[in-house]
Amino acid sequence: MDLVLRDEFIKLGQALKAAGIAESGVDAKERILNEEVLVNGEVCTMRGKKLVAGDVVTTDGEEIHILPANH
């Protein structure tokens, strides 16, 4: 799935919600803290991790590609 930025970055928890992978902030937080989320191939446990264009988030076998605002 592609997620187009509105600003220069989006936080990881927000990206999971925007992509429909997490139903709520609490759901996103649990997935992240349970080490179920990879950012660019590495486990990320920071809910506030800033994602920028080019980043790839992977969880539950799904990928979210972060695209620039003008894409």
PDB file of N, CA and C in Angstrom:
ATOM      1  N   MET A   1       0.844  -1.175   0.000  1.00  0.00           N
ATOM      2  CA  MET A   1       0.000   0.000   0.000  1.00  0.00           C
ATOM      3  C   MET A   1       0.887   1.234   0.000  1.00  0.00           C
ATOM      4  N   ASP A   2       0.449   2.262  -0.685  1.00  0.00           N
ATOM      5  CA  ASP A   2       1.172   3.527  -0.715  1.00  0.00           C
ATOM      6  C   ASP A   2       0.486   4.530   0.197  1.00  0.00           C
ATOM      7  N   LEU A   3       1.285   5.286   0.944  1.00  0.00           N
ATOM      8  CA  LEU A   3       0.772   6.328   1.827  1.00  0.00           C
ATOM      9  C   LEU A   3       1.484   7.621   1.449  1.00  0.00           C
ATOM     10  N   VAL A   4       0.722   8.578   0.951  1.00  0.00           N
ATOM     11  CA  VAL A   4       1.299   9.842   0.495  1.00  0.00           C
ATOM     12  C   VAL A   4       1.340  10.832   1.668  1.00  0.00           C
ATOM     13  N   LEU A   5       2.501  11.400   1.886  1.00  0.00           N
ATOM     14  CA  LEU A   5       2.679  12.358   2.967  1.00  0.00           C
ATOM     15  C   LEU A   5       1.929  13.652   2.688  1.00  0.00           C
ATOM     16  N   ARG A   6       1.385  14.260   3.742  1.00  0.00           N
ATOM     17  CA  ARG A   6       0.807  15.602   3.642  1.00  0.00           C
ATOM     18  C   ARG A   6       1.845  16.630   4.053  1.00  0.00           C
ATOM     19  N   ASP A   7       2.719  16.222   4.953  1.00  0.00           N
ATOM     20  CA  ASP A   7       3.799  17.072   5.458  1.00  0.00           C
ATOM     21  C   ASP A   7       5.116  16.387   5.126  1.00  0.00           C
ATOM     22  N   GLU A   8       6.202  16.826   5.765  1.00  0.00           N
ATOM     23  CA  GLU A   8       7.491  16.217   5.447  1.00  0.00           C
ATOM     24  C   GLU A   8       7.678  14.860   6.115  1.00  0.00           C
ATOM     25  N   PHE A   9       6.844  14.521   7.118  1.00  0.00           N
ATOM     26  CA  PHE A   9       6.936  13.218   7.777  1.00  0.00           C
ATOM     27  C   PHE A   9       5.585  12.840   8.365  1.00  0.00           C
ATOM     28  N   ILE A  10       5.459  11.558   8.738  1.00  0.00           N
ATOM     29  CA  ILE A  10       4.318  11.056   9.492  1.00  0.00           C
ATOM     30  C   ILE A  10       4.888  10.131  10.554  1.00  0.00           C
ATOM     31  N   LYS A  11       4.293  10.138  11.730  1.00  0.00           N
ATOM     32  CA  LYS A  11       4.775   9.259  12.798  1.00  0.00           C
ATOM     33  C   LYS A  11       4.288   7.832  12.541  1.00  0.00           C
ATOM     34  N   LEU A  12       5.069   6.882  13.014  1.00  0.00           N
ATOM     35  CA  LEU A  12       4.798   5.470  12.765  1.00  0.00           C
ATOM     36  C   LEU A  12       3.396   5.058  13.191  1.00  0.00           C
ATOM     37  N   GLY A  13       2.997   5.409  14.404  1.00  0.00           N
ATOM     38  CA  GLY A  13       1.662   5.049  14.885  1.00  0.00           C
ATOM     39  C   GLY A  13       0.570   5.615  14.002  1.00  0.00           C
ATOM     40  N   GLN A  14       0.749   6.858  13.563  1.00  0.00           N
ATOM     41  CA  GLN A  14      -0.233   7.499  12.683  1.00  0.00           C
ATOM     42  C   GLN A  14      -0.290   6.795  11.333  1.00  0.00           C
ATOM     43  N   ALA A  15       0.865   6.376  10.834  1.00  0.00           N
ATOM     44  CA  ALA A  15       0.918   5.686   9.541  1.00  0.00           C
ATOM     45  C   ALA A  15       0.158   4.369   9.609  1.00  0.00           C
ATOM     46  N   LEU A  16       0.309   3.634  10.696  1.00  0.00           N
ATOM     47  CA  LEU A  16      -0.398   2.357  10.842  1.00  0.00           C
ATOM     48  C   LEU A  16      -1.907   2.575  10.855  1.00  0.00           C
ATOM     49  N   LYS A  17      -2.350   3.636  11.529  1.00  0.00           N
ATOM     50  CA  LYS A  17      -3.785   3.945  11.552  1.00  0.00           C
ATOM     51  C   LYS A  17      -4.262   4.412  10.179  1.00  0.00           C
ATOM     52  N   ALA A  18      -3.501   5.293   9.533  1.00  0.00           N
ATOM     53  CA  ALA A  18      -3.891   5.829   8.225  1.00  0.00           C
ATOM     54  C   ALA A  18      -3.994   4.726   7.175  1.00  0.00           C
ATOM     55  N   ALA A  19      -3.152   3.715   7.304  1.00  0.00           N
ATOM     56  CA  ALA A  19      -3.159   2.607   6.345  1.00  0.00           C
ATOM     57  C   ALA A  19      -4.243   1.577   6.660  1.00  0.00           C
ATOM     58  N   GLY A  20      -4.916   1.744   7.802  1.00  0.00           N
ATOM     59  CA  GLY A  20      -5.972   0.815   8.179  1.00  0.00           C
ATOM     60  C   GLY A  20      -5.463  -0.474   8.795  1.00  0.00           C
ATOM     61  N   ILE A  21      -4.183  -0.513   9.133  1.00  0.00           N
ATOM     62  CA  ILE A  21      -3.606  -1.711   9.742  1.00  0.00           C
ATOM     63  C   ILE A  21      -3.905  -1.754  11.235  1.00  0.00           C
ATOM     64  N   ALA A  22      -3.864  -0.593  11.883  1.00  0.00           N
ATOM     65  CA  ALA A  22      -4.196  -0.490  13.306  1.00  0.00           C
ATOM     66  C   ALA A  22      -5.544   0.208  13.431  1.00  0.00           C
ATOM     67  N   GLU A  23      -6.402  -0.332  14.291  1.00  0.00           N
ATOM     68  CA  GLU A  23      -7.728   0.249  14.462  1.00  0.00           C
ATOM     69  C   GLU A  23      -7.712   1.506  15.321  1.00  0.00           C
ATOM     70  N   SER A  24      -6.711   1.612  16.192  1.00  0.00           N
ATOM     71  CA  SER A  24      -6.643   2.750  17.103  1.00  0.00           C
ATOM     72  C   SER A  24      -5.190   3.010  17.468  1.00  0.00           C
ATOM     73  N   GLY A  25      -4.975   4.100  18.184  1.00  0.00           N
ATOM     74  CA  GLY A  25      -3.636   4.405  18.670  1.00  0.00           C
ATOM     75  C   GLY A  25      -3.133   3.335  19.624  1.00  0.00           C
ATOM     76  N   VAL A  26      -4.031   2.796  20.431  1.00  0.00           N
ATOM     77  CA  VAL A  26      -3.658   1.743  21.380  1.00  0.00           C
ATOM     78  C   VAL A  26      -3.228   0.486  20.619  1.00  0.00           C
ATOM     79  N   ASP A  27      -3.976   0.142  19.567  1.00  0.00           N
ATOM     80  CA  ASP A  27      -3.641  -1.020  18.741  1.00  0.00           C
ATOM     81  C   ASP A  27      -2.266  -0.822  18.096  1.00  0.00           C
ATOM     82  N   ALA A  28      -2.039   0.363  17.556  1.00  0.00           N
ATOM     83  CA  ALA A  28      -0.746   0.672  16.932  1.00  0.00           C
ATOM     84  C   ALA A  28       0.378   0.552  17.951  1.00  0.00           C
ATOM     85  N   LYS A  29       0.166   1.113  19.137  1.00  0.00           N
ATOM     86  CA  LYS A  29       1.184   1.078  20.194  1.00  0.00           C
ATOM     87  C   LYS A  29       1.529  -0.362  20.573  1.00  0.00           C
ATOM     88  N   GLU A  30       0.520  -1.206  20.724  1.00  0.00           N
ATOM     89  CA  GLU A  30       0.756  -2.604  21.099  1.00  0.00           C
ATOM     90  C   GLU A  30       1.557  -3.337  20.030  1.00  0.00           C
ATOM     91  N   ARG A  31       1.205  -3.134  18.764  1.00  0.00           N
ATOM     92  CA  ARG A  31       1.934  -3.782  17.676  1.00  0.00           C
ATOM     93  C   ARG A  31       3.402  -3.362  17.674  1.00  0.00           C
ATOM     94  N   ILE A  32       3.608  -2.069  17.875  1.00  0.00           N
ATOM     95  CA  ILE A  32       4.970  -1.530  17.857  1.00  0.00           C
ATOM     96  C   ILE A  32       5.772  -2.059  19.051  1.00  0.00           C
ATOM     97  N   LEU A  33       5.200  -1.988  20.238  1.00  0.00           N
ATOM     98  CA  LEU A  33       5.913  -2.449  21.438  1.00  0.00           C
ATOM     99  C   LEU A  33       6.135  -3.956  21.449  1.00  0.00           C
ATOM    100  N   ASN A  34       5.276  -4.710  20.742  1.00  0.00           N
ATOM    101  CA  ASN A  34       5.436  -6.163  20.642  1.00  0.00           C
ATOM    102  C   ASN A  34       6.403  -6.557  19.527  1.00  0.00           C
ATOM    103  N   GLU A  35       7.094  -5.559  18.978  1.00  0.00           N
ATOM    104  CA  GLU A  35       8.110  -5.770  17.935  1.00  0.00           C
ATOM    105  C   GLU A  35       7.535  -6.449  16.697  1.00  0.00           C
ATOM    106  N   GLU A  36       6.299  -6.086  16.333  1.00  0.00           N
ATOM    107  CA  GLU A  36       5.642  -6.651  15.157  1.00  0.00           C
ATOM    108  C   GLU A  36       5.802  -5.759  13.932  1.00  0.00           C
ATOM    109  N   VAL A  37       6.476  -4.603  14.098  1.00  0.00           N
ATOM    110  CA  VAL A  37       6.568  -3.627  13.018  1.00  0.00           C
ATOM    111  C   VAL A  37       8.027  -3.418  12.621  1.00  0.00           C
ATOM    112  N   LEU A  38       8.284  -3.496  11.313  1.00  0.00           N
ATOM    113  CA  LEU A  38       9.617  -3.228  10.783  1.00  0.00           C
ATOM    114  C   LEU A  38       9.587  -1.922  10.006  1.00  0.00           C
ATOM    115  N   VAL A  39      10.625  -1.118  10.174  1.00  0.00           N
ATOM    116  CA  VAL A  39      10.806   0.088   9.365  1.00  0.00           C
ATOM    117  C   VAL A  39      12.101  -0.106   8.603  1.00  0.00           C
ATOM    118  N   ASN A  40      11.992  -0.120   7.294  1.00  0.00           N
ATOM    119  CA  ASN A  40      13.150  -0.356   6.422  1.00  0.00           C
ATOM    120  C   ASN A  40      13.896  -1.635   6.801  1.00  0.00           C
ATOM    121  N   GLY A  41      13.123  -2.672   7.139  1.00  0.00           N
ATOM    122  CA  GLY A  41      13.693  -3.989   7.407  1.00  0.00           C
ATOM    123  C   GLY A  41      14.185  -4.224   8.818  1.00  0.00           C
ATOM    124  N   GLU A  42      14.051  -3.215   9.702  1.00  0.00           N
ATOM    125  CA  GLU A  42      14.516  -3.370  11.079  1.00  0.00           C
ATOM    126  C   GLU A  42      13.362  -3.157  12.053  1.00  0.00           C
ATOM    127  N   VAL A  43      13.335  -3.964  13.127  1.00  0.00           N
ATOM    128  CA  VAL A  43      12.302  -3.807  14.148  1.00  0.00           C
ATOM    129  C   VAL A  43      12.381  -2.397  14.722  1.00  0.00           C
ATOM    130  N   CYS A  44      11.223  -1.761  14.846  1.00  0.00           N
ATOM    131  CA  CYS A  44      11.164  -0.413  15.412  1.00  0.00           C
ATOM    132  C   CYS A  44      10.173  -0.424  16.569  1.00  0.00           C
ATOM    133  N   THR A  45      10.608   0.011  17.737  1.00  0.00           N
ATOM    134  CA  THR A  45       9.739   0.055  18.910  1.00  0.00           C
ATOM    135  C   THR A  45       9.410   1.488  19.316  1.00  0.00           C
ATOM    136  N   MET A  46       9.672   2.444  18.439  1.00  0.00           N
ATOM    137  CA  MET A  46       9.379   3.850  18.729  1.00  0.00           C
ATOM    138  C   MET A  46       8.094   4.263  18.005  1.00  0.00           C
ATOM    139  N   ARG A  47       7.020   4.443  18.758  1.00  0.00           N
ATOM    140  CA  ARG A  47       5.741   4.819  18.170  1.00  0.00           C
ATOM    141  C   ARG A  47       5.830   6.170  17.464  1.00  0.00           C
ATOM    142  N   GLY A  48       6.654   7.060  17.996  1.00  0.00           N
ATOM    143  CA  GLY A  48       6.794   8.391  17.432  1.00  0.00           C
ATOM    144  C   GLY A  48       7.849   8.494  16.344  1.00  0.00           C
ATOM    145  N   LYS A  49       8.374   7.370  15.876  1.00  0.00           N
ATOM    146  CA  LYS A  49       9.384   7.366  14.820  1.00  0.00           C
ATOM    147  C   LYS A  49       8.858   8.152  13.625  1.00  0.00           C
ATOM    148  N   LYS A  50       9.642   9.117  13.169  1.00  0.00           N
ATOM    149  CA  LYS A  50       9.236   9.934  12.031  1.00  0.00           C
ATOM    150  C   LYS A  50       9.581   9.204  10.734  1.00  0.00           C
ATOM    151  N   LEU A  51       8.557   8.977   9.929  1.00  0.00           N
ATOM    152  CA  LEU A  51       8.738   8.332   8.635  1.00  0.00           C
ATOM    153  C   LEU A  51       8.765   9.401   7.560  1.00  0.00           C
ATOM    154  N   VAL A  52       9.686   9.255   6.633  1.00  0.00           N
ATOM    155  CA  VAL A  52       9.815  10.202   5.531  1.00  0.00           C
ATOM    156  C   VAL A  52       9.671   9.458   4.207  1.00  0.00           C
ATOM    157  N   ALA A  53       9.566  10.218   3.128  1.00  0.00           N
ATOM    158  CA  ALA A  53       9.430   9.612   1.808  1.00  0.00           C
ATOM    159  C   ALA A  53      10.553   8.611   1.564  1.00  0.00           C
ATOM    160  N   GLY A  54      10.189   7.444   1.069  1.00  0.00           N
ATOM    161  CA  GLY A  54      11.158   6.390   0.799  1.00  0.00           C
ATOM    162  C   GLY A  54      11.180   5.303   1.858  1.00  0.00           C
ATOM    163  N   ASP A  55      10.641   5.601   3.050  1.00  0.00           N
ATOM    164  CA  ASP A  55      10.597   4.584   4.101  1.00  0.00           C
ATOM    165  C   ASP A  55       9.568   3.513   3.749  1.00  0.00           C
ATOM    166  N   VAL A  56       9.826   2.295   4.241  1.00  0.00           N
ATOM    167  CA  VAL A  56       8.900   1.175   4.030  1.00  0.00           C
ATOM    168  C   VAL A  56       8.615   0.549   5.393  1.00  0.00           C
ATOM    169  N   VAL A  57       7.339   0.435   5.718  1.00  0.00           N
ATOM    170  CA  VAL A  57       6.901  -0.168   6.973  1.00  0.00           C
ATOM    171  C   VAL A  57       6.303  -1.528   6.641  1.00  0.00           C
ATOM    172  N   THR A  58       6.703  -2.554   7.384  1.00  0.00           N
ATOM    173  CA  THR A  58       6.191  -3.904   7.163  1.00  0.00           C
ATOM    174  C   THR A  58       5.610  -4.446   8.461  1.00  0.00           C
ATOM    175  N   THR A  59       4.392  -4.992   8.383  1.00  0.00           N
ATOM    176  CA  THR A  59       3.771  -5.663   9.518  1.00  0.00           C
ATOM    177  C   THR A  59       2.675  -6.577   9.004  1.00  0.00           C
ATOM    178  N   ASP A  60       2.481  -7.689   9.650  1.00  0.00           N
ATOM    179  CA  ASP A  60       1.442  -8.656   9.252  1.00  0.00           C
ATOM    180  C   ASP A  60       1.512  -9.005   7.769  1.00  0.00           C
ATOM    181  N   GLY A  61       2.711  -9.051   7.213  1.00  0.00           N
ATOM    182  CA  GLY A  61       2.871  -9.399   5.810  1.00  0.00           C
ATOM    183  C   GLY A  61       2.473  -8.297   4.839  1.00  0.00           C
ATOM    184  N   GLU A  62       2.154  -7.115   5.355  1.00  0.00           N
ATOM    185  CA  GLU A  62       1.780  -5.994   4.501  1.00  0.00           C
ATOM    186  C   GLU A  62       2.887  -4.951   4.515  1.00  0.00           C
ATOM    187  N   GLU A  63       3.036  -4.243   3.397  1.00  0.00           N
ATOM    188  CA  GLU A  63       4.024  -3.173   3.302  1.00  0.00           C
ATOM    189  C   GLU A  63       3.323  -1.849   3.066  1.00  0.00           C
ATOM    190  N   ILE A  64       3.811  -0.833   3.745  1.00  0.00           N
ATOM    191  CA  ILE A  64       3.348   0.538   3.519  1.00  0.00           C
ATOM    192  C   ILE A  64       4.539   1.296   2.965  1.00  0.00           C
ATOM    193  N   HIS A  65       4.384   1.847   1.774  1.00  0.00           N
ATOM    194  CA  HIS A  65       5.430   2.648   1.151  1.00  0.00           C
ATOM    195  C   HIS A  65       5.091   4.115   1.373  1.00  0.00           C
ATOM    196  N   ILE A  66       6.019   4.848   1.994  1.00  0.00           N
ATOM    197  CA  ILE A  66       5.808   6.261   2.270  1.00  0.00           C
ATOM    198  C   ILE A  66       6.265   7.065   1.050  1.00  0.00           C
ATOM    199  N   LEU A  67       5.326   7.817   0.477  1.00  0.00           N
ATOM    200  CA  LEU A  67       5.599   8.577  -0.737  1.00  0.00           C
ATOM    201  C   LEU A  67       5.602  10.081  -0.446  1.00  0.00           C
ATOM    202  N   PRO A  68       6.338  10.847  -1.239  1.00  0.00           N
ATOM    203  CA  PRO A  68       6.392  12.299  -1.023  1.00  0.00           C
ATOM    204  C   PRO A  68       5.041  12.954  -1.310  1.00  0.00           C
ATOM    205  N   ALA A  69       4.831  14.124  -0.736  1.00  0.00           N
ATOM    206  CA  ALA A  69       3.552  14.832  -0.848  1.00  0.00           C
ATOM    207  C   ALA A  69       3.176  15.138  -2.293  1.00  0.00           C
ATOM    208  N   ASN A  70       4.126  15.408  -3.146  1.00  0.00           N
ATOM    209  CA  ASN A  70       3.825  15.780  -4.528  1.00  0.00           C
ATOM    210  C   ASN A  70       3.711  14.588  -5.464  1.00  0.00           C
ATOM    211  N   HIS A  71       3.628  13.383  -4.917  1.00  0.00           N
ATOM    212  CA  HIS A  71       3.586  12.172  -5.739  1.00  0.00           C
ATOM    213  C   HIS A  71       2.244  12.018  -6.410  1.00  0.00           C
TER     214      HIS A  71
END
